[in-house]
Amino acid sequence: MDNTDSILQSAERHCKDHGTRLTEKRKLVLTGLIQSEMALSAYELIAEVKKQYNQDLAAMSVYRILDFLESEKLVHKLKLANKYIACEHISCDHAHGVSQFLICGQCNKVKEINIKPATMAELQTTVDKAGFKLISPQFEMNCICADCLAHTA
């Protein structure tokens, strides 16, 4: 069994535990995200599923599927790019910090990292002192990945 199959099995267990189902179409969309190192838009996912599995998915269906997967915390929506990535912690059985996203400005590769709760608490205090209320603790940081950095040297 490859890593994608293992992650999908974990996602299926997660859905079953929450009283939902990971349908075949949901699996196709989630698989497309799992196998991509880049964040994908709904339309990029449609093209990827067509290319990899010769399956046609309607845009409205993909948006509904992405909403479902996001509500189940199986994918993350990158707000600035309006794209999605699979959660890197689908198969984990332990708690994580707040997810943050490193996005390569050259190749668009995305890496999910976690920030410690203490760091987030300190940030929350700073935001509060500035007279603001933090709505979402998600950061999307523009970076350059090691592969792209190696090609520029």
N, C-alpha and C. Protein backbone atom coordinates (compact mmCIF):
# COMPACT_ATOMS: atom_id res chain seq x y z
N MET A 1 0.85 -1.17 0.00
CA MET A 1 0.00 0.00 0.00
C MET A 1 0.90 1.24 0.00
N ASP A 2 0.62 2.20 -0.91
CA ASP A 2 1.45 3.39 -0.94
C ASP A 2 0.93 4.42 0.07
N ASN A 3 1.67 5.50 0.21
CA ASN A 3 1.35 6.51 1.21
C ASN A 3 -0.03 7.14 0.97
N THR A 4 -0.38 7.36 -0.31
CA THR A 4 -1.69 7.95 -0.62
C THR A 4 -2.81 7.05 -0.12
N ASP A 5 -2.69 5.73 -0.34
CA ASP A 5 -3.72 4.79 0.13
C ASP A 5 -3.84 4.83 1.65
N SER A 6 -2.72 4.90 2.33
CA SER A 6 -2.72 4.97 3.79
C SER A 6 -3.41 6.24 4.29
N ILE A 7 -3.11 7.37 3.64
CA ILE A 7 -3.73 8.64 4.01
C ILE A 7 -5.23 8.60 3.75
N LEU A 8 -5.63 8.02 2.62
CA LEU A 8 -7.05 7.91 2.29
C LEU A 8 -7.77 7.03 3.30
N GLN A 9 -7.14 5.95 3.74
CA GLN A 9 -7.75 5.10 4.76
C GLN A 9 -7.95 5.87 6.06
N SER A 10 -6.97 6.67 6.43
CA SER A 10 -7.09 7.50 7.63
C SER A 10 -8.22 8.51 7.47
N ALA A 11 -8.32 9.10 6.28
CA ALA A 11 -9.39 10.07 6.01
C ALA A 11 -10.76 9.39 6.08
N GLU A 12 -10.85 8.18 5.56
CA GLU A 12 -12.12 7.44 5.63
C GLU A 12 -12.51 7.15 7.08
N ARG A 13 -11.54 6.75 7.90
CA ARG A 13 -11.80 6.50 9.33
C ARG A 13 -12.24 7.79 10.02
N HIS A 14 -11.57 8.87 9.69
CA HIS A 14 -11.92 10.16 10.27
C HIS A 14 -13.37 10.52 9.94
N CYS A 15 -13.74 10.37 8.68
CA CYS A 15 -15.12 10.69 8.27
C CYS A 15 -16.12 9.78 8.97
N LYS A 16 -15.82 8.50 9.01
CA LYS A 16 -16.73 7.55 9.66
C LYS A 16 -16.90 7.91 11.13
N ASP A 17 -15.81 8.26 11.80
CA ASP A 17 -15.87 8.65 13.21
C ASP A 17 -16.71 9.91 13.43
N HIS A 18 -16.81 10.74 12.38
CA HIS A 18 -17.59 11.98 12.47
C HIS A 18 -18.97 11.84 11.83
N GLY A 19 -19.35 10.62 11.47
CA GLY A 19 -20.68 10.39 10.92
C GLY A 19 -20.86 10.86 9.50
N THR A 20 -19.75 10.98 8.76
CA THR A 20 -19.81 11.39 7.36
C THR A 20 -19.16 10.31 6.50
N ARG A 21 -19.19 10.52 5.18
CA ARG A 21 -18.61 9.53 4.26
C ARG A 21 -17.63 10.19 3.32
N LEU A 22 -16.59 9.47 3.00
CA LEU A 22 -15.64 9.89 1.98
C LEU A 22 -16.02 9.17 0.70
N THR A 23 -16.90 9.80 -0.10
CA THR A 23 -17.40 9.19 -1.32
C THR A 23 -16.28 9.06 -2.36
N GLU A 24 -16.56 8.37 -3.44
CA GLU A 24 -15.55 8.19 -4.49
C GLU A 24 -15.10 9.53 -5.08
N LYS A 25 -16.04 10.43 -5.33
CA LYS A 25 -15.66 11.75 -5.87
C LYS A 25 -14.83 12.53 -4.85
N ARG A 26 -15.19 12.45 -3.59
CA ARG A 26 -14.41 13.12 -2.55
C ARG A 26 -13.00 12.53 -2.49
N LYS A 27 -12.90 11.22 -2.65
CA LYS A 27 -11.58 10.57 -2.67
C LYS A 27 -10.75 11.07 -3.84
N LEU A 28 -11.37 11.22 -5.02
CA LEU A 28 -10.64 11.71 -6.19
C LEU A 28 -10.06 13.09 -5.94
N VAL A 29 -10.88 13.98 -5.39
CA VAL A 29 -10.42 15.34 -5.12
C VAL A 29 -9.32 15.34 -4.05
N LEU A 30 -9.53 14.59 -2.98
CA LEU A 30 -8.53 14.52 -1.92
C LEU A 30 -7.24 13.90 -2.44
N THR A 31 -7.33 12.88 -3.26
CA THR A 31 -6.14 12.24 -3.84
C THR A 31 -5.37 13.24 -4.69
N GLY A 32 -6.08 14.03 -5.49
CA GLY A 32 -5.41 15.05 -6.30
C GLY A 32 -4.60 16.01 -5.44
N LEU A 33 -5.16 16.38 -4.30
CA LEU A 33 -4.45 17.30 -3.40
C LEU A 33 -3.30 16.60 -2.67
N ILE A 34 -3.51 15.37 -2.26
CA ILE A 34 -2.46 14.62 -1.56
C ILE A 34 -1.24 14.46 -2.46
N GLN A 35 -1.47 14.19 -3.72
CA GLN A 35 -0.37 13.90 -4.64
C GLN A 35 0.31 15.14 -5.21
N SER A 36 -0.27 16.30 -4.95
CA SER A 36 0.32 17.54 -5.45
C SER A 36 1.15 18.21 -4.36
N GLU A 37 2.30 18.72 -4.74
CA GLU A 37 3.11 19.48 -3.79
C GLU A 37 2.69 20.95 -3.79
N MET A 38 1.84 21.29 -4.75
CA MET A 38 1.38 22.67 -4.87
C MET A 38 -0.08 22.77 -4.45
N ALA A 39 -0.47 23.95 -4.04
CA ALA A 39 -1.88 24.21 -3.80
C ALA A 39 -2.58 24.25 -5.15
N LEU A 40 -3.81 23.77 -5.18
CA LEU A 40 -4.57 23.73 -6.43
C LEU A 40 -5.90 24.42 -6.27
N SER A 41 -6.32 25.11 -7.31
CA SER A 41 -7.66 25.70 -7.34
C SER A 41 -8.66 24.62 -7.72
N ALA A 42 -9.93 24.92 -7.61
CA ALA A 42 -10.96 23.96 -8.00
C ALA A 42 -10.79 23.57 -9.47
N TYR A 43 -10.52 24.53 -10.31
CA TYR A 43 -10.38 24.24 -11.74
C TYR A 43 -9.11 23.45 -12.04
N GLU A 44 -8.04 23.72 -11.30
CA GLU A 44 -6.83 22.91 -11.47
C GLU A 44 -7.08 21.47 -11.01
N LEU A 45 -7.88 21.31 -9.96
CA LEU A 45 -8.25 19.97 -9.49
C LEU A 45 -9.08 19.23 -10.53
N ILE A 46 -10.01 19.93 -11.16
CA ILE A 46 -10.83 19.33 -12.22
C ILE A 46 -9.93 18.80 -13.32
N ALA A 47 -8.97 19.62 -13.74
CA ALA A 47 -8.04 19.21 -14.81
C ALA A 47 -7.17 18.04 -14.36
N GLU A 48 -6.70 18.07 -13.12
CA GLU A 48 -5.85 16.99 -12.59
C GLU A 48 -6.61 15.66 -12.53
N VAL A 49 -7.85 15.70 -12.04
CA VAL A 49 -8.66 14.48 -11.95
C VAL A 49 -8.95 13.95 -13.35
N LYS A 50 -9.20 14.84 -14.29
CA LYS A 50 -9.44 14.42 -15.68
C LYS A 50 -8.19 13.75 -16.26
N LYS A 51 -7.03 14.38 -16.02
CA LYS A 51 -5.77 13.87 -16.56
C LYS A 51 -5.39 12.53 -15.91
N GLN A 52 -5.48 12.43 -14.59
CA GLN A 52 -5.03 11.24 -13.87
C GLN A 52 -6.02 10.07 -13.91
N TYR A 53 -7.32 10.38 -13.88
CA TYR A 53 -8.32 9.32 -13.71
C TYR A 53 -9.38 9.30 -14.81
N ASN A 54 -9.25 10.21 -15.79
CA ASN A 54 -10.21 10.31 -16.88
C ASN A 54 -11.65 10.45 -16.36
N GLN A 55 -11.80 11.20 -15.29
CA GLN A 55 -13.11 11.45 -14.67
C GLN A 55 -13.45 12.93 -14.84
N ASP A 56 -14.69 13.20 -15.24
CA ASP A 56 -15.16 14.57 -15.35
C ASP A 56 -15.89 14.95 -14.07
N LEU A 57 -15.50 16.07 -13.49
CA LEU A 57 -16.18 16.60 -12.31
C LEU A 57 -16.65 18.00 -12.62
N ALA A 58 -17.89 18.31 -12.25
CA ALA A 58 -18.42 19.65 -12.44
C ALA A 58 -17.82 20.60 -11.41
N ALA A 59 -17.61 21.84 -11.79
CA ALA A 59 -17.01 22.82 -10.88
C ALA A 59 -17.81 22.95 -9.58
N MET A 60 -19.14 23.01 -9.69
CA MET A 60 -19.96 23.13 -8.48
C MET A 60 -19.74 21.95 -7.55
N SER A 61 -19.61 20.75 -8.11
CA SER A 61 -19.36 19.56 -7.29
C SER A 61 -18.02 19.66 -6.59
N VAL A 62 -17.01 20.12 -7.30
CA VAL A 62 -15.68 20.24 -6.71
C VAL A 62 -15.69 21.27 -5.58
N TYR A 63 -16.38 22.38 -5.77
CA TYR A 63 -16.47 23.38 -4.70
C TYR A 63 -17.18 22.81 -3.47
N ARG A 64 -18.26 22.05 -3.69
CA ARG A 64 -18.96 21.44 -2.55
C ARG A 64 -18.06 20.41 -1.86
N ILE A 65 -17.34 19.63 -2.65
CA ILE A 65 -16.43 18.63 -2.09
C ILE A 65 -15.34 19.32 -1.28
N LEU A 66 -14.77 20.39 -1.81
CA LEU A 66 -13.72 21.12 -1.09
C LEU A 66 -14.26 21.71 0.21
N ASP A 67 -15.48 22.23 0.18
CA ASP A 67 -16.10 22.74 1.41
C ASP A 67 -16.24 21.62 2.44
N PHE A 68 -16.68 20.44 1.98
CA PHE A 68 -16.82 19.29 2.88
C PHE A 68 -15.46 18.91 3.45
N LEU A 69 -14.45 18.75 2.59
CA LEU A 69 -13.12 18.33 3.05
C LEU A 69 -12.52 19.36 4.01
N GLU A 70 -12.78 20.63 3.76
CA GLU A 70 -12.29 21.67 4.67
C GLU A 70 -13.01 21.60 6.01
N SER A 71 -14.32 21.37 5.98
CA SER A 71 -15.07 21.28 7.24
C SER A 71 -14.64 20.07 8.06
N GLU A 72 -14.18 19.02 7.40
CA GLU A 72 -13.67 17.83 8.09
C GLU A 72 -12.20 17.96 8.46
N LYS A 73 -11.60 19.11 8.15
CA LYS A 73 -10.20 19.40 8.44
C LYS A 73 -9.24 18.43 7.73
N LEU A 74 -9.64 18.01 6.54
CA LEU A 74 -8.80 17.14 5.71
C LEU A 74 -8.01 17.96 4.69
N VAL A 75 -8.48 19.16 4.40
CA VAL A 75 -7.76 20.08 3.52
C VAL A 75 -7.76 21.46 4.16
N HIS A 76 -6.86 22.29 3.68
CA HIS A 76 -6.77 23.68 4.11
C HIS A 76 -6.97 24.57 2.89
N LYS A 77 -7.68 25.66 3.08
CA LYS A 77 -7.83 26.65 2.02
C LYS A 77 -6.82 27.75 2.27
N LEU A 78 -6.02 28.03 1.25
CA LEU A 78 -5.09 29.15 1.31
C LEU A 78 -5.87 30.37 0.83
N LYS A 79 -6.14 31.27 1.73
CA LYS A 79 -7.03 32.40 1.45
C LYS A 79 -6.47 33.34 0.39
N LEU A 80 -5.18 33.66 0.47
CA LEU A 80 -4.61 34.62 -0.47
C LEU A 80 -4.62 34.11 -1.91
N ALA A 81 -4.37 32.83 -2.09
CA ALA A 81 -4.31 32.26 -3.43
C ALA A 81 -5.64 31.66 -3.87
N ASN A 82 -6.58 31.51 -2.94
CA ASN A 82 -7.86 30.85 -3.21
C ASN A 82 -7.62 29.45 -3.79
N LYS A 83 -6.70 28.73 -3.13
CA LYS A 83 -6.35 27.37 -3.53
C LYS A 83 -6.37 26.48 -2.30
N TYR A 84 -6.25 25.17 -2.52
CA TYR A 84 -6.38 24.20 -1.45
C TYR A 84 -5.17 23.27 -1.43
N ILE A 85 -4.87 22.78 -0.22
CA ILE A 85 -3.86 21.73 -0.05
C ILE A 85 -4.41 20.69 0.92
N ALA A 86 -3.93 19.46 0.78
CA ALA A 86 -4.31 18.41 1.73
C ALA A 86 -3.59 18.67 3.05
N CYS A 87 -4.26 18.43 4.14
CA CYS A 87 -3.64 18.55 5.45
C CYS A 87 -2.54 17.50 5.57
N GLU A 88 -1.40 17.91 6.07
CA GLU A 88 -0.29 16.97 6.23
C GLU A 88 -0.47 16.05 7.42
N HIS A 89 -1.50 16.27 8.22
CA HIS A 89 -1.66 15.52 9.46
C HIS A 89 -2.89 14.60 9.45
N ILE A 90 -3.35 14.23 8.28
CA ILE A 90 -4.54 13.36 8.19
C ILE A 90 -4.30 12.05 8.92
N SER A 91 -3.12 11.50 8.80
CA SER A 91 -2.82 10.19 9.39
C SER A 91 -2.32 10.25 10.83
N CYS A 92 -2.16 11.45 11.37
CA CYS A 92 -1.63 11.59 12.73
C CYS A 92 -2.70 11.34 13.77
N ASP A 93 -2.28 10.78 14.90
CA ASP A 93 -3.19 10.52 16.01
C ASP A 93 -2.94 11.44 17.19
N HIS A 94 -2.16 12.51 16.99
CA HIS A 94 -1.86 13.40 18.10
C HIS A 94 -2.20 14.85 17.72
N ALA A 95 -2.30 15.70 18.72
CA ALA A 95 -2.66 17.09 18.51
C ALA A 95 -1.48 17.85 17.89
N HIS A 96 -1.82 18.90 17.16
CA HIS A 96 -0.80 19.73 16.52
C HIS A 96 -1.04 21.18 16.88
N GLY A 97 -0.02 21.99 16.63
CA GLY A 97 -0.16 23.43 16.82
C GLY A 97 -1.01 24.01 15.69
N VAL A 98 -0.94 25.30 15.54
CA VAL A 98 -1.70 25.99 14.50
C VAL A 98 -0.95 25.86 13.18
N SER A 99 -1.66 25.42 12.14
CA SER A 99 -1.04 25.23 10.83
C SER A 99 -0.71 26.56 10.18
N GLN A 100 0.46 26.62 9.61
CA GLN A 100 0.93 27.76 8.83
C GLN A 100 1.47 27.22 7.52
N PHE A 101 1.54 28.07 6.51
CA PHE A 101 1.89 27.58 5.18
C PHE A 101 3.02 28.39 4.57
N LEU A 102 4.06 27.68 4.17
CA LEU A 102 5.19 28.27 3.47
C LEU A 102 4.93 28.06 1.98
N ILE A 103 4.91 29.14 1.22
CA ILE A 103 4.57 29.06 -0.20
C ILE A 103 5.75 29.60 -1.01
N CYS A 104 6.30 28.74 -1.86
CA CYS A 104 7.42 29.17 -2.71
C CYS A 104 6.88 30.10 -3.80
N GLY A 105 7.45 31.29 -3.87
CA GLY A 105 7.02 32.28 -4.84
C GLY A 105 7.46 31.96 -6.26
N GLN A 106 8.36 30.96 -6.42
CA GLN A 106 8.83 30.63 -7.76
C GLN A 106 8.11 29.42 -8.34
N CYS A 107 8.01 28.33 -7.58
CA CYS A 107 7.41 27.10 -8.11
C CYS A 107 6.03 26.81 -7.53
N ASN A 108 5.60 27.61 -6.55
CA ASN A 108 4.30 27.46 -5.88
C ASN A 108 4.17 26.21 -5.01
N LYS A 109 5.27 25.55 -4.69
CA LYS A 109 5.23 24.43 -3.75
C LYS A 109 4.79 24.96 -2.40
N VAL A 110 3.99 24.16 -1.68
CA VAL A 110 3.49 24.57 -0.37
C VAL A 110 3.92 23.54 0.67
N LYS A 111 4.35 24.03 1.82
CA LYS A 111 4.72 23.17 2.94
C LYS A 111 3.94 23.64 4.16
N GLU A 112 3.27 22.70 4.83
CA GLU A 112 2.54 23.02 6.05
C GLU A 112 3.47 22.82 7.23
N ILE A 113 3.51 23.83 8.09
CA ILE A 113 4.28 23.74 9.34
C ILE A 113 3.33 24.08 10.49
N ASN A 114 3.76 23.83 11.69
CA ASN A 114 2.95 24.17 12.87
C ASN A 114 3.70 25.14 13.76
N ILE A 115 2.95 26.09 14.29
CA ILE A 115 3.51 27.04 15.23
C ILE A 115 3.03 26.66 16.62
N LYS A 116 3.93 26.70 17.57
CA LYS A 116 3.61 26.31 18.94
C LYS A 116 2.50 27.19 19.52
N PRO A 117 1.65 26.59 20.35
CA PRO A 117 0.57 27.36 20.98
C PRO A 117 1.08 28.59 21.75
N ALA A 118 2.23 28.49 22.38
CA ALA A 118 2.78 29.64 23.13
C ALA A 118 3.10 30.80 22.18
N THR A 119 3.60 30.50 21.01
CA THR A 119 3.89 31.53 20.02
C THR A 119 2.60 32.19 19.56
N MET A 120 1.57 31.38 19.33
CA MET A 120 0.28 31.92 18.91
C MET A 120 -0.34 32.77 20.02
N ALA A 121 -0.18 32.37 21.28
CA ALA A 121 -0.71 33.15 22.40
C ALA A 121 -0.02 34.51 22.47
N GLU A 122 1.28 34.52 22.24
CA GLU A 122 2.03 35.78 22.24
C GLU A 122 1.56 36.68 21.10
N LEU A 123 1.33 36.10 19.94
CA LEU A 123 0.82 36.86 18.81
C LEU A 123 -0.57 37.42 19.13
N GLN A 124 -1.43 36.60 19.74
CA GLN A 124 -2.77 37.04 20.11
C GLN A 124 -2.71 38.24 21.05
N THR A 125 -1.80 38.20 22.01
CA THR A 125 -1.62 39.31 22.95
C THR A 125 -1.20 40.58 22.20
N THR A 126 -0.29 40.44 21.26
CA THR A 126 0.16 41.58 20.47
C THR A 126 -0.98 42.17 19.64
N VAL A 127 -1.77 41.30 19.04
CA VAL A 127 -2.93 41.74 18.24
C VAL A 127 -3.92 42.47 19.14
N ASP A 128 -4.21 41.90 20.31
CA ASP A 128 -5.14 42.52 21.26
C ASP A 128 -4.66 43.91 21.67
N LYS A 129 -3.36 44.02 21.99
CA LYS A 129 -2.79 45.31 22.41
C LYS A 129 -2.88 46.36 21.31
N ALA A 130 -2.89 45.90 20.06
CA ALA A 130 -2.99 46.83 18.93
C ALA A 130 -4.44 47.25 18.67
N GLY A 131 -5.37 46.67 19.44
CA GLY A 131 -6.77 47.03 19.29
C GLY A 131 -7.50 46.27 18.20
N PHE A 132 -6.99 45.09 17.87
CA PHE A 132 -7.61 44.25 16.84
C PHE A 132 -8.03 42.91 17.43
N LYS A 133 -8.87 42.22 16.70
CA LYS A 133 -9.28 40.86 17.08
C LYS A 133 -8.83 39.92 15.97
N LEU A 134 -8.07 38.92 16.34
CA LEU A 134 -7.59 37.93 15.37
C LEU A 134 -8.75 37.04 14.95
N ILE A 135 -9.07 37.02 13.67
CA ILE A 135 -10.17 36.21 13.14
C ILE A 135 -9.67 34.80 12.79
N SER A 136 -8.52 34.73 12.16
CA SER A 136 -7.95 33.43 11.77
C SER A 136 -6.46 33.44 12.09
N PRO A 137 -5.97 32.41 12.77
CA PRO A 137 -4.55 32.36 13.10
C PRO A 137 -3.68 31.83 11.95
N GLN A 138 -4.28 31.59 10.81
CA GLN A 138 -3.54 31.00 9.68
C GLN A 138 -2.65 32.04 9.01
N PHE A 139 -1.37 31.68 8.85
CA PHE A 139 -0.41 32.51 8.12
C PHE A 139 -0.08 31.82 6.81
N GLU A 140 0.08 32.62 5.79
CA GLU A 140 0.55 32.14 4.50
C GLU A 140 1.80 32.96 4.19
N MET A 141 2.96 32.33 4.33
CA MET A 141 4.22 33.05 4.21
C MET A 141 4.85 32.83 2.84
N ASN A 142 5.19 33.95 2.21
CA ASN A 142 5.86 33.89 0.92
C ASN A 142 7.33 33.58 1.15
N CYS A 143 7.80 32.51 0.50
CA CYS A 143 9.16 32.03 0.71
C CYS A 143 9.75 31.61 -0.63
N ILE A 144 10.94 31.05 -0.56
CA ILE A 144 11.53 30.36 -1.70
C ILE A 144 12.02 29.01 -1.18
N CYS A 145 11.62 27.93 -1.86
CA CYS A 145 11.97 26.59 -1.38
C CYS A 145 13.44 26.27 -1.69
N ALA A 146 13.93 25.25 -1.04
CA ALA A 146 15.34 24.87 -1.19
C ALA A 146 15.67 24.48 -2.64
N ASP A 147 14.74 23.82 -3.32
CA ASP A 147 15.00 23.44 -4.73
C ASP A 147 15.19 24.66 -5.61
N CYS A 148 14.29 25.64 -5.48
CA CYS A 148 14.40 26.85 -6.28
C CYS A 148 15.63 27.67 -5.90
N LEU A 149 15.92 27.69 -4.59
CA LEU A 149 17.11 28.40 -4.12
C LEU A 149 18.37 27.78 -4.70
N ALA A 150 18.42 26.46 -4.80
CA ALA A 150 19.57 25.77 -5.36
C ALA A 150 19.75 26.09 -6.85
N HIS A 151 18.64 26.30 -7.54
CA HIS A 151 18.71 26.60 -8.99
C HIS A 151 19.13 28.04 -9.26
N THR A 152 19.01 28.92 -8.26
CA THR A 152 19.39 30.31 -8.46
C THR A 152 20.87 30.54 -8.09
N ALA A 153 21.47 29.54 -7.45
CA ALA A 153 22.86 29.70 -7.01
C ALA A 153 23.84 29.48 -8.13
